[in-house]
Protein backbone atom coordinates (compact mmCIF):
# COMPACT_ATOMS: atom_id res chain seq x y z
CA MET A 1 28.81 29.07 -29.19
CA LYS A 2 31.27 31.51 -31.66
CA ILE A 3 34.01 30.76 -33.89
CA ILE A 4 37.18 32.70 -33.12
CA VAL A 5 39.33 32.34 -35.89
CA SER A 6 43.55 33.29 -35.75
CA ASP A 7 45.09 35.52 -37.98
CA GLU A 8 47.80 32.78 -38.57
CA ALA A 9 44.96 30.50 -38.95
CA LEU A 10 43.08 32.86 -41.82
CA ASN A 11 46.50 33.26 -43.71
CA TRP A 12 46.83 28.89 -43.45
CA PHE A 13 43.40 28.45 -45.01
CA LYS A 14 44.89 31.42 -47.71
CA GLU A 15 48.16 29.54 -48.30
CA GLU A 16 46.82 25.69 -47.87
CA MET A 17 42.89 25.78 -48.83
CA HIS A 18 43.35 28.76 -51.44
CA THR A 19 41.24 30.58 -49.71
CA LEU A 20 39.94 33.99 -50.91
CA SER A 21 37.65 36.91 -49.60
CA GLY A 22 33.63 35.00 -50.15
CA ASP A 23 34.80 32.11 -49.82
CA SER A 24 33.37 29.86 -47.04
CA ILE A 25 34.92 27.25 -45.03
CA LYS A 26 32.63 24.36 -43.13
CA PHE A 27 33.52 22.75 -39.86
CA PHE A 28 31.84 19.66 -39.00
CA ALA A 29 31.75 16.59 -37.40
CA ARG A 30 33.29 13.80 -38.39
CA TYR A 31 33.17 10.18 -37.88
CA GLY A 32 36.04 8.73 -36.75
CA GLY A 33 39.48 9.83 -34.20
CA SER A 34 38.41 11.76 -31.39
CA SER A 35 38.12 14.66 -29.92
CA PRO A 36 38.21 16.60 -26.39
CA LEU A 37 33.94 16.45 -26.66
CA HIS A 38 33.30 13.39 -28.50
CA GLU A 39 35.29 10.05 -28.48
CA GLY A 40 34.76 8.45 -31.82
CA PHE A 41 34.02 11.72 -33.72
CA SER A 42 36.92 14.62 -35.02
CA LEU A 43 36.61 17.96 -36.75
CA GLY A 44 36.63 18.14 -40.26
CA VAL A 45 37.20 21.03 -42.22
CA MET A 46 36.21 22.06 -46.01
CA LYS A 47 35.56 24.42 -48.32
CA GLU A 48 31.64 24.97 -49.71
CA GLN A 49 28.86 27.38 -49.58
CA PRO A 50 26.23 26.63 -46.42
CA ASP A 51 23.03 24.88 -46.47
CA GLU A 52 21.73 26.33 -43.51
CA ALA A 53 24.60 27.78 -41.28
CA ALA A 54 23.55 27.57 -37.29
CA ILE A 55 26.69 29.70 -36.35
CA GLU A 56 29.51 31.83 -38.60
CA THR A 57 31.76 34.11 -38.31
CA VAL A 58 33.53 36.41 -41.26
CA HIS A 59 37.25 37.37 -40.69
CA ASN A 60 38.47 39.71 -43.76
CA GLY A 61 35.78 38.38 -45.63
CA VAL A 62 36.33 34.59 -45.49
CA GLN A 63 32.62 32.93 -43.59
CA PHE A 64 33.82 30.46 -41.21
CA TYR A 65 30.55 28.09 -40.03
CA ILE A 66 28.92 25.31 -38.53
CA GLU A 67 26.17 23.88 -40.31
CA ARG A 68 22.89 23.32 -37.95
CA ARG A 69 22.90 19.48 -38.67
CA ASP A 70 26.32 19.56 -36.76
CA LYS A 71 25.75 21.91 -34.43
CA TRP A 72 25.24 18.95 -31.93
CA PHE A 73 28.84 18.62 -31.44
CA PHE A 74 29.71 22.36 -30.38
CA VAL A 75 27.38 22.72 -27.75
CA ASP A 76 27.95 25.11 -24.90
CA HIS A 77 31.57 25.59 -26.86
CA ASN A 78 33.66 27.62 -28.80
CA LEU A 79 35.65 26.33 -31.31
CA HIS A 80 39.12 28.87 -31.71
CA VAL A 81 41.00 27.78 -34.51
CA ASN A 82 45.11 28.66 -34.66
CA VAL A 83 47.86 27.12 -35.93
CA ASN A 84 50.84 25.14 -34.48
CA PRO A 85 53.48 27.30 -36.62
CA GLU A 86 56.17 24.27 -36.00
CA LEU A 87 53.86 21.99 -38.10
CA ASN A 88 52.28 24.17 -40.11
CA GLU A 89 48.84 22.77 -39.13
CA LEU A 90 45.55 23.97 -37.59
CA VAL A 91 45.07 23.44 -33.87
CA TYR A 92 41.29 23.35 -32.65
CA THR A 93 40.57 23.95 -28.93
CA TYR A 94 37.33 24.44 -27.53
CA GLU A 95 36.19 26.35 -23.89
CA LYS A 96 32.84 26.35 -22.41
CA ALA A 97 30.96 29.10 -23.73
């Protein structure tokens, strides 16, 4: 499992969440909504330091990670994080790892 963050998404985090080098961004399973992986759960994101990062990547000094307790949501999949430029929204896609 990997987290792949595009340059456009990194810029989105810097502008919208005031993310700086040294900050950490967590992706987590959130009850409610829907995702291609799990009905009734959606992907959440927040700026927070990790407790037990199971999966992580660093892009231009910013750590992006998934906690061990949320690893089940992503099993056997890579997470791609991009931006829809027309809506200025994050777009998540998943591919089999």
